[in-house]
Protein backbone atom coordinates (compact mmCIF):
# COMPACT_ATOMS: atom_id res chain seq x y z
CA MET A 1 128.10 -25.80 123.59
CA VAL A 2 128.13 -28.71 125.77
CA SER A 3 130.24 -31.81 125.41
CA THR A 4 130.67 -35.70 125.85
CA ASP A 5 132.66 -35.67 128.87
CA PRO A 6 131.54 -37.69 131.34
CA ALA A 7 128.63 -36.57 133.05
CA PRO A 8 126.21 -37.78 135.86
CA ALA A 9 124.67 -40.48 134.14
CA SER A 10 121.39 -41.20 133.47
CA SER A 11 119.69 -44.84 133.55
CA ILE A 12 120.02 -46.72 130.65
CA GLY A 13 116.74 -46.27 128.03
CA THR A 14 116.33 -42.55 129.43
CA ALA A 15 116.78 -39.89 126.23
CA SER A 16 116.92 -36.72 128.70
CA PRO A 17 117.65 -36.06 132.45
CA VAL A 18 115.02 -33.51 132.51
CA PRO A 19 110.86 -34.25 132.29
CA ASP A 20 110.28 -31.07 130.21
CA GLU A 21 108.33 -31.52 126.62
CA ILE A 22 111.59 -29.63 125.01
CA ALA A 23 114.54 -29.38 126.85
CA THR A 24 118.64 -28.93 125.85
CA PHE A 25 121.14 -30.75 127.51
CA ALA A 26 124.34 -32.09 127.47
CA LEU A 27 125.30 -35.32 125.14
CA ALA A 28 126.79 -36.94 128.02
CA ASP A 29 123.59 -37.04 129.73
CA LEU A 30 122.48 -39.39 127.40
CA SER A 31 124.74 -42.31 128.33
CA GLY A 32 123.65 -45.14 130.47
CA SER A 33 126.93 -45.87 131.59
CA PRO A 34 130.58 -44.19 132.15
CA GLY A 35 131.82 -43.53 128.61
CA TRP A 36 128.96 -44.95 126.65
CA ARG A 37 130.27 -48.47 127.43
CA ARG A 38 127.19 -49.74 125.64
CA PRO A 39 124.18 -48.28 123.40
CA VAL A 40 121.23 -46.49 124.97
CA ILE A 41 117.79 -46.65 123.79
CA VAL A 42 116.21 -43.33 123.54
CA GLU A 43 113.13 -42.55 124.52
CA ARG A 44 112.13 -38.94 123.28
CA GLU A 45 112.58 -36.98 119.71
CA LEU A 46 116.15 -35.56 119.62
CA LEU A 47 118.33 -33.07 117.32
CA ILE A 48 122.02 -33.57 117.86
CA LEU A 49 124.30 -30.24 116.66
CA THR A 50 128.07 -30.91 116.60
CA THR A 51 129.69 -27.71 117.66
CA ARG A 52 133.35 -28.33 118.07
CA GLY A 53 135.55 -31.23 117.58
CA HIS A 54 135.36 -34.80 115.59
CA GLY A 55 134.52 -37.83 116.08
CA ASP A 56 131.60 -40.82 115.61
CA ALA A 57 128.10 -41.15 116.76
CA GLU A 58 126.71 -45.02 116.66
CA LEU A 59 122.91 -44.60 115.46
CA ASP A 60 121.19 -48.23 115.09
CA PHE A 61 124.64 -49.95 114.87
CA HIS A 62 125.93 -47.34 112.41
CA LEU A 63 128.63 -45.31 112.74
CA LEU A 64 128.14 -41.55 111.49
CA PRO A 65 131.20 -39.06 111.53
CA CYS A 66 130.62 -36.12 113.47
CA ARG A 67 132.51 -32.75 112.62
CA PRO A 68 130.99 -28.84 113.49
CA GLY A 69 128.12 -28.28 111.67
CA THR A 70 126.95 -32.04 111.62
CA LEU A 71 123.24 -32.76 112.64
CA LEU A 72 121.77 -36.06 113.75
CA ARG A 73 118.12 -36.22 114.44
CA VAL A 74 117.45 -39.16 116.62
CA ARG A 75 114.13 -41.02 117.13
CA ALA A 76 112.26 -42.15 119.69
CA GLY A 77 113.36 -46.44 119.84
CA GLN A 78 116.60 -45.84 118.21
CA VAL A 79 119.66 -46.72 120.02
CA LEU A 80 122.65 -44.49 120.03
CA ARG A 81 125.86 -44.53 121.51
CA CYS A 82 129.01 -41.78 121.33
CA ALA A 83 132.10 -43.53 122.19
CA GLY A 84 135.70 -43.16 121.95
CA ARG A 85 136.97 -39.63 120.41
CA GLN A 86 135.24 -36.57 121.90
CA PHE A 87 133.58 -33.92 120.56
CA ASP A 88 130.67 -31.41 121.64
CA ALA A 89 127.44 -31.07 120.76
CA THR A 90 124.14 -29.36 121.96
CA VAL A 91 121.14 -31.76 122.20
CA VAL A 92 117.42 -30.85 121.95
CA ALA A 93 114.76 -32.96 122.88
CA TRP A 94 111.38 -32.97 122.87
CA GLU A 95 107.69 -34.61 122.82
CA PRO A 96 106.27 -34.79 119.87
CA GLU A 97 103.07 -33.68 121.51
CA ALA A 98 105.01 -30.32 121.58
CA LEU A 99 104.69 -30.11 118.11
CA ARG A 100 100.94 -30.56 117.67
CA GLY A 101 99.09 -28.18 115.19
CA PHE A 102 102.15 -26.92 113.98
CA GLY A 103 102.34 -28.94 110.70
CA VAL A 104 105.57 -30.31 111.22
CA GLU A 105 106.23 -33.76 109.40
CA LEU A 106 108.46 -35.79 111.89
CA ASP A 107 108.38 -38.98 109.68
CA THR A 108 111.53 -37.37 107.45
CA PRO A 109 113.99 -40.33 106.38
CA VAL A 110 117.07 -38.18 107.13
CA THR A 111 118.98 -39.02 109.84
CA TRP A 112 122.41 -37.13 109.47
CA ARG A 113 123.18 -34.02 107.74
CA GLN A 114 126.53 -31.86 107.08
CA LEU A 115 125.40 -28.43 107.46
CA ALA A 116 126.93 -25.60 105.50
CA GLY A 117 126.86 -21.77 104.64
CA GLU A 118 123.29 -19.75 105.32
CA ASP A 119 121.55 -23.49 106.78
CA GLU A 120 124.48 -23.78 109.09
CA ASP A 121 124.35 -19.95 110.17
CA ALA A 122 120.80 -20.22 110.69
CA VAL A 123 120.50 -23.56 112.31
CA ILE A 124 123.16 -22.62 114.87
CA SER A 125 121.47 -19.66 116.07
CA GLU A 126 118.00 -21.16 116.24
CA VAL A 127 119.65 -23.83 118.24
CA SER A 128 121.80 -21.67 120.52
CA GLN A 129 118.48 -19.39 121.23
CA LEU A 130 116.51 -22.21 121.93
CA ALA A 131 119.29 -23.25 124.52
CA VAL A 132 119.47 -19.99 125.91
CA ASP A 133 115.12 -19.77 126.63
CA CYS A 134 115.13 -23.27 127.63
CA GLN A 135 117.41 -21.95 130.74
CA ARG A 136 116.14 -18.41 131.11
CA HIS A 137 112.94 -18.47 131.24
CA PRO A 138 110.68 -20.87 133.71
CA ASP A 139 107.79 -23.11 133.19
CA SER A 140 104.53 -21.13 132.05
CA LEU A 141 102.31 -20.75 129.42
CA THR A 142 103.97 -18.34 127.57
CA ALA A 143 107.48 -20.02 128.24
CA ARG A 144 105.83 -23.09 126.59
CA ALA A 145 104.16 -20.89 123.51
CA LEU A 146 107.57 -19.67 122.99
CA LEU A 147 109.69 -22.99 122.85
CA ARG A 148 106.72 -24.61 120.82
CA HIS A 149 107.28 -21.59 118.21
CA GLN A 150 111.28 -21.89 118.30
CA LEU A 151 111.31 -25.64 118.14
CA ALA A 152 108.67 -25.69 114.90
CA VAL A 153 110.82 -22.88 113.01
CA LEU A 154 113.68 -25.42 113.20
CA LEU A 155 112.52 -28.14 112.14
CA LEU A 156 110.49 -26.35 109.31
CA ARG A 157 113.72 -24.78 108.37
CA LEU A 158 115.30 -28.63 108.41
CA ALA A 159 112.01 -29.91 106.58
CA LEU A 160 112.39 -27.27 103.38
CA ALA A 161 115.97 -27.87 103.32
CA ASN A 162 115.28 -31.53 102.71
CA ALA A 163 112.04 -31.22 100.66
CA ASP A 164 111.51 -33.48 97.76
CA ARG A 165 109.07 -31.41 95.24
CA SER A 166 108.88 -34.22 92.95
CA THR A 167 105.05 -35.74 92.86
CA PRO A 168 105.45 -38.83 94.17
CA ARG A 169 104.77 -41.95 92.45
CA PRO A 170 101.62 -44.28 93.73
CA GLU A 171 104.29 -46.93 95.04
CA GLU A 172 105.82 -44.69 96.99
CA GLU A 173 102.77 -43.74 98.76
CA THR A 174 101.42 -47.38 99.21
CA PHE A 175 105.32 -47.89 100.53
CA HIS A 176 105.03 -45.19 103.30
CA ARG A 177 101.62 -46.39 104.37
CA PHE A 178 102.98 -49.82 104.55
CA ARG A 179 106.05 -48.65 106.90
CA ARG A 180 103.64 -47.21 109.06
CA GLU A 181 101.56 -49.86 109.38
CA VAL A 182 104.78 -52.14 109.98
CA GLU A 183 105.80 -49.72 112.44
CA HIS A 184 102.93 -50.25 114.59
CA GLY A 185 102.13 -54.02 114.02
CA TYR A 186 105.47 -55.69 113.70
CA PRO A 187 105.57 -56.84 117.52
CA HIS A 188 102.43 -58.86 116.52
CA THR A 189 102.55 -60.47 113.29
CA ARG A 190 104.81 -60.72 110.29
CA ARG A 191 102.41 -62.42 107.86
CA VAL A 192 102.22 -59.85 105.01
CA GLU A 193 98.45 -60.71 104.56
CA ASP A 194 97.84 -59.24 107.94
CA TYR A 195 98.94 -55.56 106.47
CA ALA A 196 97.59 -56.10 103.02
CA ALA A 197 94.06 -56.30 105.12
CA SER A 198 94.83 -53.61 107.61
CA LEU A 199 95.66 -51.18 104.58
CA ARG A 200 92.80 -52.81 102.05
CA CYS A 201 95.21 -53.89 99.37
CA SER A 202 96.58 -57.13 97.91
CA VAL A 203 99.79 -58.79 99.15
CA ARG A 204 100.98 -58.26 95.38
CA THR A 205 100.42 -54.45 95.61
CA LEU A 206 102.66 -54.21 98.87
CA THR A 207 105.61 -56.79 97.46
CA ARG A 208 105.38 -54.49 94.10
CA ALA A 209 105.66 -51.31 95.99
CA CYS A 210 108.80 -52.41 98.23
CA LEU A 211 110.52 -53.50 95.10
CA ALA A 212 109.82 -50.26 93.54
CA VAL A 213 110.89 -48.63 96.66
CA THR A 214 113.52 -50.30 98.62
CA GLY A 215 114.47 -53.31 96.05
CA ARG A 216 113.47 -55.58 98.64
CA SER A 217 110.17 -57.87 99.20
CA ALA A 218 107.06 -56.59 101.81
CA LYS A 219 108.05 -59.72 103.74
CA GLN A 220 111.51 -58.74 104.10
CA VAL A 221 110.89 -55.12 105.15
CA ILE A 222 108.95 -56.60 108.43
CA ASP A 223 111.49 -59.12 108.87
CA GLU A 224 114.31 -56.33 108.48
CA ARG A 225 112.22 -53.93 111.16
CA VAL A 226 111.83 -57.22 113.48
CA ALA A 227 115.56 -57.96 113.50
CA LEU A 228 116.50 -54.36 114.06
CA GLN A 229 114.28 -54.32 117.19
CA ALA A 230 115.43 -57.68 118.25
CA GLY A 231 119.13 -55.91 117.76
CA ARG A 232 118.52 -53.02 119.45
CA LEU A 233 116.90 -55.01 122.71
CA LEU A 234 120.00 -57.21 122.93
CA ALA A 235 122.68 -54.44 122.97
CA ALA A 236 121.23 -52.19 125.07
CA THR A 237 119.08 -53.49 127.64
CA ASP A 238 119.46 -56.98 129.74
CA GLN A 239 115.97 -58.61 129.02
CA PRO A 240 116.70 -62.32 128.71
CA ILE A 241 116.67 -63.46 125.14
CA ALA A 242 113.48 -65.48 125.57
CA GLN A 243 111.51 -62.49 126.55
CA ILE A 244 113.08 -60.54 124.02
CA GLY A 245 111.98 -62.94 121.57
CA ARG A 246 107.95 -63.27 123.29
CA HIS A 247 108.46 -59.57 122.78
CA LEU A 248 108.52 -59.62 119.17
CA GLY A 249 106.08 -62.80 118.79
CA PHE A 250 108.11 -65.93 118.87
CA SER A 251 106.92 -68.35 121.12
CA GLU A 252 109.82 -70.56 121.20
CA PRO A 253 113.11 -68.95 121.66
CA THR A 254 114.56 -71.64 118.98
CA ASN A 255 112.88 -69.87 116.61
CA PHE A 256 113.74 -66.55 117.67
CA GLY A 257 117.27 -67.86 117.42
CA ARG A 258 117.00 -69.36 114.28
CA PHE A 259 115.00 -65.99 112.44
CA PHE A 260 117.90 -63.68 114.32
CA THR A 261 120.88 -65.49 113.17
CA ARG A 262 119.11 -65.84 109.20
CA GLU A 263 118.30 -62.05 109.36
CA VAL A 264 121.73 -61.00 110.95
CA GLY A 265 124.24 -63.66 110.61
CA VAL A 266 124.89 -63.88 114.21
CA SER A 267 123.22 -65.96 117.29
CA PRO A 268 121.53 -63.31 119.73
CA GLY A 269 123.66 -64.57 122.57
CA ALA A 270 126.87 -63.41 120.28
CA PHE A 271 125.29 -60.41 118.86
CA ARG A 272 124.81 -59.29 122.76
CA ALA A 273 128.00 -60.52 124.00
CA ALA A 274 129.87 -57.77 121.46
CA ARG A 275 127.74 -55.01 122.53
CA ASP A 276 130.28 -53.38 124.95
CA GLN A 277 133.13 -53.65 122.19
CA PRO A 278 134.76 -50.70 120.68
CA ALA A 279 132.53 -49.66 117.80
CA ALA A 280 133.23 -51.33 114.33
CA ARG A 281 130.85 -54.14 114.20
CA VAL A 282 127.76 -55.41 112.35
CA VAL A 283 127.28 -54.22 108.92
CA ARG A 284 123.63 -52.89 108.04
CA PRO A 285 123.68 -51.95 104.40
CA ARG A 286 120.36 -50.67 104.80
CA PRO A 287 117.99 -49.33 107.56
CA PRO A 288 114.70 -51.25 107.27
CA ALA A 289 111.75 -49.93 105.34
CA GLU A 290 113.92 -46.99 103.56
CA PRO A 291 114.34 -46.06 100.02
CA THR A 292 116.93 -47.81 98.10
CA GLY A 293 120.22 -45.52 97.79
CA ALA A 294 119.59 -44.18 101.54
CA ASN A 295 122.66 -44.41 103.32
CA GLY A 296 122.63 -47.37 105.49
CA GLY A 297 120.39 -50.37 106.42
CA ARG A 298 119.79 -54.42 106.98
CA PHE A 299 122.58 -55.30 109.63
CA ARG A 300 124.51 -58.49 109.00
CA ALA A 301 127.89 -59.98 110.75
CA GLY A 302 130.91 -59.42 108.46
CA GLY A 303 133.40 -57.47 107.36
CA THR A 304 134.49 -56.72 110.64
CA THR A 305 137.61 -58.08 112.80
CA ASN A 306 136.51 -58.03 116.38
CA GLY A 307 132.99 -59.16 116.48
CA GLY A 308 131.15 -56.18 117.26
CA HIS A 309 127.91 -54.53 115.83
CA ALA A 310 128.07 -51.22 113.35
CA THR A 311 130.80 -50.53 110.89
CA ARG A 312 131.72 -47.33 109.48
CA ARG A 313 130.41 -46.19 106.04
CA GLY A 314 131.87 -42.82 105.43
CA SER A 315 130.39 -39.71 105.29
CA PRO A 316 127.06 -40.24 104.59
CA SER A 317 125.59 -38.52 101.59
CA ALA A 318 121.52 -39.54 101.95
CA PRO A 319 121.39 -40.44 105.70
CA THR A 320 119.36 -43.46 107.08
CA GLY A 321 116.25 -43.04 109.21
CA ASP A 322 114.35 -46.06 110.54
CA THR A 323 111.93 -44.18 112.97
CA GLY A 324 111.62 -45.88 116.48
CA ARG A 325 107.74 -45.05 116.85
CA ALA A 326 105.93 -44.11 113.66
């Protein structure tokens, strides 16, 4: 069991204080500032299991309620903050290479899950044993193999619990291919035509697939992914706004400002100014590139009184899952 009480903080954007390919550590070690003053960009794949207490985790500008048995799946590239009421949690972090050859699918949309019954008992047991073995065994080929197998078993168990056994529709397959392509290409192009050419299909096919799965056009899916990344960088880094715009393909700061304001509802400067305020901030009904019905989504200003970045959604029943890296 580890606590969100203050601990020696790592630098902003660092997801783990240790270099091991698989590690466990305190949730507070993820904080880039005392008391999680601002979100941090996570650089590793994470599981966060709440073991005691109640509180909220702010993940990609959504407040997710946490209590004993709550499991969060945080992806590299997402922004995370756990401010406010304290809760205890065990964090498991890993590099994707650690799971090579195990057949574990990391591109799962499930971000939030409230464990119960046999699932909760099994996951708690496996996380606890993984944490013990991370501390007990020195780094060796045998120890690495043990930890890799333990992590694979844990993730495969979670995948089985969340498995959709229905046959995917052709539109769903096309959409998921498109989403992966957008994840790689959004810093370079926002043109649907470029993605259609890469996937060897028509713009109409991509738009039809996106509308069928998410209720939004292909162009909207791309723009929302760009806006999400802009929000992450504005909230969790001190990069100049113009530099963020250039990183996302905007040659002129004014064009980036107009784009962000249109997508989010506030200017980049106003969004950044609100990052240090308590969570309860910008509404994001669905995350980019997620099926209709998933909790969360596009973030827009409104519905708050303190000008911040996230909003309480209540207890999610179908959690979010935008990936920082595909």
